Amino acid sequence: MLAASPFLGEGHRKVWARLRAQSVRTSKARCLRRMREAGLLAPGRARRVLGPRNHDGTMTTDQPDVRWGTDATCTVTTREGQATVFIAIDHGTAECVGIHAAQVGTRFEALEPIRQGVKARFGAYGQGVAAGLSIRHDNGSQYTSDAFQNELRFLGAASSPSFVRSPEGNGCAERFIRTLKEQLLWVRTFSTVEELRRALREWAHRYNEHWLLERHHFLSPSQARRARMQSKQAA
């Protein structure tokens, strides 16, 4: 099951879920025990216990396109040097709604994943089309710039900055970036930024369609969106 999966480092819960999808009935406890005996579990980190924080609470949403999170990370290409990767993630379904790479990570490049998501989810890009949507971001210079904030106001989206020095406040985007690093950026090399962009788009599509999430009862992000939209239409 692990060898056939398109992703790396999947744990016992996802192995259990994939077995169930193939009509192999067992328990999560047995999967955990057998994988531990075979040395197939990833090493775990000691958990850091935090006291009460201003961001304590729930940042996920019940419906898609209510709040998106955006953030950036860096990688290196062999011919063009460092590149910045920008992402946008739906807090309701954990879908990647936009992904982009640029050699220079400016405030204008930071807007590209938002533009991709707005065009795909709202069917157009214009004044007020994203009314009712909020954008969670950190306090980086790209996101606090006038260009970024003015673009959000033009779209009708609300700016939702996380607390300073509290990355947990942008946890949906941070968790997606961890998955992106573990499944793509740390396991492949890219010669140019354009090659990186193509790989990011392909990987984002594969993630949306096939990455299993326990909070969605082991549905993929795209399956979770379709299920929620069908439930909304039925209601």
C-alpha atoms as a PDB file:
ATOM      1  CA  MET A   1       0.000   0.000   0.000  1.00  0.00           C
ATOM      2  CA  LEU A   2       2.832   2.416   0.841  1.00  0.00           C
ATOM      3  CA  ALA A   3       4.716   1.555  -2.352  1.00  0.00           C
ATOM      4  CA  ALA A   4       1.618   2.122  -4.506  1.00  0.00           C
ATOM      5  CA  SER A   5       0.744   5.505  -2.966  1.00  0.00           C
ATOM      6  CA  PRO A   6       1.641   8.641  -5.006  1.00  0.00           C
ATOM      7  CA  PHE A   7       2.726  10.346  -1.755  1.00  0.00           C
ATOM      8  CA  LEU A   8       5.608   9.837   0.660  1.00  0.00           C
ATOM      9  CA  GLY A   9       5.580   9.182   4.399  1.00  0.00           C
ATOM     10  CA  GLU A  10       1.905   8.342   4.839  1.00  0.00           C
ATOM     11  CA  GLY A  11       1.038   7.069   8.317  1.00  0.00           C
ATOM     12  CA  HIS A  12      -1.063   4.233   9.656  1.00  0.00           C
ATOM     13  CA  ARG A  13      -4.348   6.166   9.473  1.00  0.00           C
ATOM     14  CA  LYS A  14      -4.078   6.704   5.724  1.00  0.00           C
ATOM     15  CA  VAL A  15      -2.927   3.139   5.138  1.00  0.00           C
ATOM     16  CA  TRP A  16      -6.026   2.026   7.077  1.00  0.00           C
ATOM     17  CA  ALA A  17      -8.250   4.330   4.992  1.00  0.00           C
ATOM     18  CA  ARG A  18      -6.771   3.120   1.689  1.00  0.00           C
ATOM     19  CA  LEU A  19      -7.228  -0.510   2.775  1.00  0.00           C
ATOM     20  CA  ARG A  20     -10.894   0.197   3.532  1.00  0.00           C
ATOM     21  CA  ALA A  21     -11.287   1.730   0.057  1.00  0.00           C
ATOM     22  CA  GLN A  22     -10.117  -1.627  -1.329  1.00  0.00           C
ATOM     23  CA  SER A  23     -12.574  -3.549   0.914  1.00  0.00           C
ATOM     24  CA  VAL A  24      -9.856  -4.790   3.279  1.00  0.00           C
ATOM     25  CA  ARG A  25     -11.381  -4.423   6.741  1.00  0.00           C
ATOM     26  CA  THR A  26      -9.071  -4.038   9.717  1.00  0.00           C
ATOM     27  CA  SER A  27      -8.593  -1.627  12.615  1.00  0.00           C
ATOM     28  CA  LYS A  28      -6.399   1.435  12.921  1.00  0.00           C
ATOM     29  CA  ALA A  29      -4.821  -0.078  16.045  1.00  0.00           C
ATOM     30  CA  ARG A  30      -3.750  -3.169  14.112  1.00  0.00           C
ATOM     31  CA  CYS A  31      -2.333  -1.077  11.255  1.00  0.00           C
ATOM     32  CA  LEU A  32      -0.379   0.957  13.790  1.00  0.00           C
ATOM     33  CA  ARG A  33       0.941  -2.150  15.541  1.00  0.00           C
ATOM     34  CA  ARG A  34       1.970  -3.964  12.351  1.00  0.00           C
ATOM     35  CA  MET A  35       3.621  -0.883  10.852  1.00  0.00           C
ATOM     36  CA  ARG A  36       5.491  -0.255  14.128  1.00  0.00           C
ATOM     37  CA  GLU A  37       6.710  -3.876  14.157  1.00  0.00           C
ATOM     38  CA  ALA A  38       7.907  -3.517  10.557  1.00  0.00           C
ATOM     39  CA  GLY A  39       9.653  -0.186  11.192  1.00  0.00           C
ATOM     40  CA  LEU A  40       7.384   1.687   8.778  1.00  0.00           C
ATOM     41  CA  LEU A  41       6.391   4.575  11.058  1.00  0.00           C
ATOM     42  CA  ALA A  42       7.925   8.019  10.583  1.00  0.00           C
ATOM     43  CA  PRO A  43       9.802   9.307  13.642  1.00  0.00           C
ATOM     44  CA  GLY A  44       7.627  11.664  15.692  1.00  0.00           C
ATOM     45  CA  ARG A  45       8.596  14.934  17.296  1.00  0.00           C
ATOM     46  CA  ALA A  46       8.056  15.819  20.917  1.00  0.00           C
ATOM     47  CA  ARG A  47       4.979  18.053  21.135  1.00  0.00           C
ATOM     48  CA  ARG A  48       5.411  21.547  22.476  1.00  0.00           C
ATOM     49  CA  VAL A  49       2.818  22.476  25.096  1.00  0.00           C
ATOM     50  CA  LEU A  50       1.629  26.065  24.695  1.00  0.00           C
ATOM     51  CA  GLY A  51      -0.237  28.173  27.187  1.00  0.00           C
ATOM     52  CA  PRO A  52      -3.318  30.256  26.333  1.00  0.00           C
ATOM     53  CA  ARG A  53      -2.789  32.366  23.205  1.00  0.00           C
ATOM     54  CA  ASN A  54      -4.768  35.090  21.460  1.00  0.00           C
ATOM     55  CA  HIS A  55      -5.315  32.858  18.449  1.00  0.00           C
ATOM     56  CA  ASP A  56      -6.822  29.950  20.407  1.00  0.00           C
ATOM     57  CA  GLY A  57      -9.981  28.737  18.686  1.00  0.00           C
ATOM     58  CA  THR A  58     -11.053  27.331  15.324  1.00  0.00           C
ATOM     59  CA  MET A  59      -9.715  28.739  12.071  1.00  0.00           C
ATOM     60  CA  THR A  60     -11.331  26.208   9.744  1.00  0.00           C
ATOM     61  CA  THR A  61     -14.726  26.932   8.183  1.00  0.00           C
ATOM     62  CA  ASP A  62     -17.810  24.797   7.540  1.00  0.00           C
ATOM     63  CA  GLN A  63     -18.106  25.859   3.897  1.00  0.00           C
ATOM     64  CA  PRO A  64     -15.554  26.492   1.137  1.00  0.00           C
ATOM     65  CA  ASP A  65     -14.614  29.980  -0.097  1.00  0.00           C
ATOM     66  CA  VAL A  66     -15.238  31.649   3.256  1.00  0.00           C
ATOM     67  CA  ARG A  67     -11.603  32.032   4.304  1.00  0.00           C
ATOM     68  CA  TRP A  68      -8.396  31.368   2.397  1.00  0.00           C
ATOM     69  CA  GLY A  69      -4.906  31.308   3.867  1.00  0.00           C
ATOM     70  CA  THR A  70      -1.831  32.430   1.947  1.00  0.00           C
ATOM     71  CA  ASP A  71       1.871  32.168   2.689  1.00  0.00           C
ATOM     72  CA  ALA A  72       5.282  31.726   1.050  1.00  0.00           C
ATOM     73  CA  THR A  73       8.319  29.498   1.274  1.00  0.00           C
ATOM     74  CA  CYS A  74      11.641  29.249  -0.558  1.00  0.00           C
ATOM     75  CA  THR A  75      13.442  26.616  -2.599  1.00  0.00           C
ATOM     76  CA  VAL A  76      16.483  26.524  -4.892  1.00  0.00           C
ATOM     77  CA  THR A  77      16.807  25.850  -8.617  1.00  0.00           C
ATOM     78  CA  THR A  78      20.073  24.536 -10.018  1.00  0.00           C
ATOM     79  CA  ARG A  79      20.400  27.091 -12.829  1.00  0.00           C
ATOM     80  CA  GLU A  80      18.577  30.186 -11.575  1.00  0.00           C
ATOM     81  CA  GLY A  81      19.223  30.063  -7.836  1.00  0.00           C
ATOM     82  CA  GLN A  82      16.674  30.771  -5.122  1.00  0.00           C
ATOM     83  CA  ALA A  83      12.969  30.949  -5.894  1.00  0.00           C
ATOM     84  CA  THR A  84       9.966  31.911  -3.773  1.00  0.00           C
ATOM     85  CA  VAL A  85       6.856  29.726  -3.772  1.00  0.00           C
ATOM     86  CA  PHE A  86       3.499  31.366  -2.948  1.00  0.00           C
ATOM     87  CA  ILE A  87       0.365  29.360  -2.088  1.00  0.00           C
ATOM     88  CA  ALA A  88      -3.302  29.923  -1.241  1.00  0.00           C
ATOM     89  CA  ILE A  89      -5.331  27.307   0.644  1.00  0.00           C
ATOM     90  CA  ASP A  90      -9.048  27.041   1.440  1.00  0.00           C
ATOM     91  CA  HIS A  91      -9.641  26.796   5.210  1.00  0.00           C
ATOM     92  CA  GLY A  92     -12.846  24.837   4.694  1.00  0.00           C
ATOM     93  CA  THR A  93     -11.686  22.045   2.394  1.00  0.00           C
ATOM     94  CA  ALA A  94      -7.852  22.383   2.563  1.00  0.00           C
ATOM     95  CA  GLU A  95      -7.803  22.681  -1.241  1.00  0.00           C
ATOM     96  CA  CYS A  96      -4.921  24.457  -2.892  1.00  0.00           C
ATOM     97  CA  VAL A  97      -6.752  27.222  -4.775  1.00  0.00           C
ATOM     98  CA  GLY A  98      -3.594  28.838  -6.154  1.00  0.00           C
ATOM     99  CA  ILE A  99       0.151  28.185  -6.371  1.00  0.00           C
ATOM    100  CA  HIS A 100       2.979  30.153  -7.964  1.00  0.00           C
ATOM    101  CA  ALA A 101       6.775  30.470  -8.053  1.00  0.00           C
ATOM    102  CA  ALA A 102       8.920  33.502  -8.838  1.00  0.00           C
ATOM    103  CA  GLN A 103      12.632  34.224  -8.797  1.00  0.00           C
ATOM    104  CA  VAL A 104      11.990  37.442  -6.867  1.00  0.00           C
ATOM    105  CA  GLY A 105       9.183  37.171  -4.307  1.00  0.00           C
ATOM    106  CA  THR A 106       7.624  40.631  -4.615  1.00  0.00           C
ATOM    107  CA  ARG A 107       4.236  41.835  -3.388  1.00  0.00           C
ATOM    108  CA  PHE A 108       2.901  41.514  -6.939  1.00  0.00           C
ATOM    109  CA  GLU A 109       3.983  37.861  -7.187  1.00  0.00           C
ATOM    110  CA  ALA A 110       2.336  37.200  -3.799  1.00  0.00           C
ATOM    111  CA  LEU A 111      -1.023  38.130  -5.348  1.00  0.00           C
ATOM    112  CA  GLU A 112      -0.834  35.479  -8.085  1.00  0.00           C
ATOM    113  CA  PRO A 113      -2.262  32.527  -6.044  1.00  0.00           C
ATOM    114  CA  ILE A 114      -5.163  34.755  -4.953  1.00  0.00           C
ATOM    115  CA  ARG A 115      -5.815  35.730  -8.570  1.00  0.00           C
ATOM    116  CA  GLN A 116      -5.777  32.073  -9.637  1.00  0.00           C
ATOM    117  CA  GLY A 117      -8.221  31.139  -6.890  1.00  0.00           C
ATOM    118  CA  VAL A 118     -10.618  34.021  -7.555  1.00  0.00           C
ATOM    119  CA  LYS A 119     -10.775  33.245 -11.286  1.00  0.00           C
ATOM    120  CA  ALA A 120     -11.348  29.533 -10.645  1.00  0.00           C
ATOM    121  CA  ARG A 121     -13.833  29.810  -7.775  1.00  0.00           C
ATOM    122  CA  PHE A 122     -15.771  32.987  -8.627  1.00  0.00           C
ATOM    123  CA  GLY A 123     -15.670  32.723 -12.417  1.00  0.00           C
ATOM    124  CA  ALA A 124     -14.278  36.205 -13.026  1.00  0.00           C
ATOM    125  CA  TYR A 125     -11.734  38.702 -11.782  1.00  0.00           C
ATOM    126  CA  GLY A 126     -13.143  42.130 -11.131  1.00  0.00           C
ATOM    127  CA  GLN A 127     -14.324  44.624  -8.578  1.00  0.00           C
ATOM    128  CA  GLY A 128     -16.253  43.068  -5.708  1.00  0.00           C
ATOM    129  CA  VAL A 129     -16.374  39.500  -7.113  1.00  0.00           C
ATOM    130  CA  ALA A 130     -14.903  37.987  -3.915  1.00  0.00           C
ATOM    131  CA  ALA A 131     -17.238  39.714  -1.442  1.00  0.00           C
ATOM    132  CA  GLY A 132     -17.654  37.584   1.682  1.00  0.00           C
ATOM    133  CA  LEU A 133     -14.202  36.011   1.388  1.00  0.00           C
ATOM    134  CA  SER A 134     -11.464  36.750   3.928  1.00  0.00           C
ATOM    135  CA  ILE A 135      -7.747  36.235   3.314  1.00  0.00           C
ATOM    136  CA  ARG A 136      -5.612  35.053   6.245  1.00  0.00           C
ATOM    137  CA  HIS A 137      -1.954  36.046   5.923  1.00  0.00           C
ATOM    138  CA  ASP A 138       1.048  36.753   8.119  1.00  0.00           C
ATOM    139  CA  ASN A 139       2.701  40.122   8.628  1.00  0.00           C
ATOM    140  CA  GLY A 140       5.343  39.772   5.924  1.00  0.00           C
ATOM    141  CA  SER A 141       6.157  42.827   3.854  1.00  0.00           C
ATOM    142  CA  GLN A 142       4.460  41.412   0.732  1.00  0.00           C
ATOM    143  CA  TYR A 143       1.146  40.959   2.544  1.00  0.00           C
ATOM    144  CA  THR A 144       1.116  44.218   4.472  1.00  0.00           C
ATOM    145  CA  SER A 145       2.038  46.265   1.382  1.00  0.00           C
ATOM    146  CA  ASP A 146      -0.383  48.779  -0.109  1.00  0.00           C
ATOM    147  CA  ALA A 147      -0.456  46.844  -3.392  1.00  0.00           C
ATOM    148  CA  PHE A 148      -1.622  43.626  -1.720  1.00  0.00           C
ATOM    149  CA  GLN A 149      -4.144  45.290   0.585  1.00  0.00           C
ATOM    150  CA  ASN A 150      -5.553  47.494  -2.192  1.00  0.00           C
ATOM    151  CA  GLU A 151      -6.035  44.430  -4.415  1.00  0.00           C
ATOM    152  CA  LEU A 152      -8.006  42.680  -1.675  1.00  0.00           C
ATOM    153  CA  ARG A 153     -10.229  45.739  -1.260  1.00  0.00           C
ATOM    154  CA  PHE A 154     -10.763  45.877  -5.034  1.00  0.00           C
ATOM    155  CA  LEU A 155     -11.900  42.247  -5.016  1.00  0.00           C
ATOM    156  CA  GLY A 156     -14.179  42.828  -2.022  1.00  0.00           C
ATOM    157  CA  ALA A 157     -12.202  40.378   0.148  1.00  0.00           C
ATOM    158  CA  ALA A 158     -11.389  41.134   3.772  1.00  0.00           C
ATOM    159  CA  SER A 159      -7.824  41.138   5.060  1.00  0.00           C
ATOM    160  CA  SER A 160      -7.352  38.812   8.064  1.00  0.00           C
ATOM    161  CA  PRO A 161      -3.777  39.130   9.398  1.00  0.00           C
ATOM    162  CA  SER A 162      -2.534  36.600  11.926  1.00  0.00           C
ATOM    163  CA  PHE A 163      -1.027  37.717  15.222  1.00  0.00           C
ATOM    164  CA  VAL A 164       2.636  38.765  15.145  1.00  0.00           C
ATOM    165  CA  ARG A 165       5.053  35.912  15.938  1.00  0.00           C
ATOM    166  CA  SER A 166       2.161  33.439  16.046  1.00  0.00           C
ATOM    167  CA  PRO A 167       2.490  31.179  12.990  1.00  0.00           C
ATOM    168  CA  GLU A 168      -0.299  28.993  14.398  1.00  0.00           C
ATOM    169  CA  GLY A 169      -2.715  31.769  13.418  1.00  0.00           C
ATOM    170  CA  ASN A 170      -1.994  30.943   9.778  1.00  0.00           C
ATOM    171  CA  GLY A 171      -1.874  27.232  10.504  1.00  0.00           C
ATOM    172  CA  CYS A 172      -3.807  25.984   7.454  1.00  0.00           C
ATOM    173  CA  ALA A 173      -1.306  27.537   5.057  1.00  0.00           C
ATOM    174  CA  GLU A 174       1.642  26.522   7.251  1.00  0.00           C
ATOM    175  CA  ARG A 175       0.481  22.883   7.322  1.00  0.00           C
ATOM    176  CA  PHE A 176       0.007  22.826   3.561  1.00  0.00           C
ATOM    177  CA  ILE A 177       3.533  24.183   3.058  1.00  0.00           C
ATOM    178  CA  ARG A 178       4.906  21.389   5.246  1.00  0.00           C
ATOM    179  CA  THR A 179       3.146  18.829   3.026  1.00  0.00           C
ATOM    180  CA  LEU A 180       4.422  20.595  -0.103  1.00  0.00           C
ATOM    181  CA  LYS A 181       8.005  20.438   1.175  1.00  0.00           C
ATOM    182  CA  GLU A 182       7.820  16.802   2.258  1.00  0.00           C
ATOM    183  CA  GLN A 183       6.129  15.603  -0.946  1.00  0.00           C
ATOM    184  CA  LEU A 184       7.771  17.785  -3.612  1.00  0.00           C
ATOM    185  CA  LEU A 185      10.301  20.484  -2.737  1.00  0.00           C
ATOM    186  CA  TRP A 186      12.538  18.268  -0.581  1.00  0.00           C
ATOM    187  CA  VAL A 187      12.435  15.221  -2.872  1.00  0.00           C
ATOM    188  CA  ARG A 188      12.932  16.762  -6.332  1.00  0.00           C
ATOM    189  CA  THR A 189      15.339  19.224  -7.905  1.00  0.00           C
ATOM    190  CA  PHE A 190      14.442  21.824 -10.539  1.00  0.00           C
ATOM    191  CA  SER A 191      16.732  23.526 -13.016  1.00  0.00           C
ATOM    192  CA  THR A 192      14.636  26.650 -13.701  1.00  0.00           C
ATOM    193  CA  VAL A 193      11.808  28.575 -12.103  1.00  0.00           C
ATOM    194  CA  GLU A 194       9.536  27.733 -15.030  1.00  0.00           C
ATOM    195  CA  GLU A 195      10.160  24.015 -14.492  1.00  0.00           C
ATOM    196  CA  LEU A 196       9.324  24.543 -10.826  1.00  0.00           C
ATOM    197  CA  ARG A 197       6.060  26.341 -11.734  1.00  0.00           C
ATOM    198  CA  ARG A 198       4.927  23.444 -13.928  1.00  0.00           C
ATOM    199  CA  ALA A 199       5.761  20.900 -11.234  1.00  0.00           C
ATOM    200  CA  LEU A 200       3.868  22.935  -8.622  1.00  0.00           C
ATOM    201  CA  ARG A 201       0.724  23.080 -10.754  1.00  0.00           C
ATOM    202  CA  GLU A 202       0.847  19.340 -11.454  1.00  0.00           C
ATOM    203  CA  TRP A 203       1.465  18.510  -7.810  1.00  0.00           C
ATOM    204  CA  ALA A 204      -1.322  20.825  -6.580  1.00  0.00           C
ATOM    205  CA  HIS A 205      -3.806  19.025  -8.852  1.00  0.00           C
ATOM    206  CA  ARG A 206      -2.646  15.636  -7.553  1.00  0.00           C
ATOM    207  CA  TYR A 207      -2.862  16.880  -3.954  1.00  0.00           C
ATOM    208  CA  ASN A 208      -6.402  18.237  -4.406  1.00  0.00           C
ATOM    209  CA  GLU A 209      -7.673  15.020  -5.959  1.00  0.00           C
ATOM    210  CA  HIS A 210      -5.827  12.321  -4.011  1.00  0.00           C
ATOM    211  CA  TRP A 211      -4.374  13.594  -0.688  1.00  0.00           C
ATOM    212  CA  LEU A 212      -6.433  12.112   2.163  1.00  0.00           C
ATOM    213  CA  LEU A 213      -7.393  14.243   5.167  1.00  0.00           C
ATOM    214  CA  GLU A 214      -8.543  12.729   8.440  1.00  0.00           C
ATOM    215  CA  ARG A 215     -10.683  15.753   9.332  1.00  0.00           C
ATOM    216  CA  HIS A 216     -12.686  15.092   6.145  1.00  0.00           C
ATOM    217  CA  HIS A 217     -13.093  11.396   7.110  1.00  0.00           C
ATOM    218  CA  PHE A 218     -10.292  10.505   4.690  1.00  0.00           C
ATOM    219  CA  LEU A 219     -11.704  12.285   1.671  1.00  0.00           C
ATOM    220  CA  SER A 220      -9.440  14.319  -0.581  1.00  0.00           C
ATOM    221  CA  PRO A 221      -9.827  18.134  -0.571  1.00  0.00           C
ATOM    222  CA  SER A 222     -11.686  18.072  -3.903  1.00  0.00           C
ATOM    223  CA  GLN A 223     -13.980  15.283  -2.701  1.00  0.00           C
ATOM    224  CA  ALA A 224     -14.693  17.285   0.451  1.00  0.00           C
ATOM    225  CA  ARG A 225     -15.649  20.339  -1.647  1.00  0.00           C
ATOM    226  CA  ARG A 226     -17.979  18.320  -3.839  1.00  0.00           C
ATOM    227  CA  ALA A 227     -19.601  16.680  -0.812  1.00  0.00           C
ATOM    228  CA  ARG A 228     -20.185  20.034   0.899  1.00  0.00           C
ATOM    229  CA  MET A 229     -21.562  21.648  -2.243  1.00  0.00           C
ATOM    230  CA  GLN A 230     -23.977  18.725  -2.773  1.00  0.00           C
ATOM    231  CA  SER A 231     -25.083  18.964   0.855  1.00  0.00           C
ATOM    232  CA  LYS A 232     -25.631  22.712   0.480  1.00  0.00           C
ATOM    233  CA  GLN A 233     -27.673  22.253  -2.715  1.00  0.00           C
ATOM    234  CA  ALA A 234     -29.779  19.535  -1.069  1.00  0.00           C
ATOM    235  CA  ALA A 235     -30.480  21.782   1.901  1.00  0.00           C
END
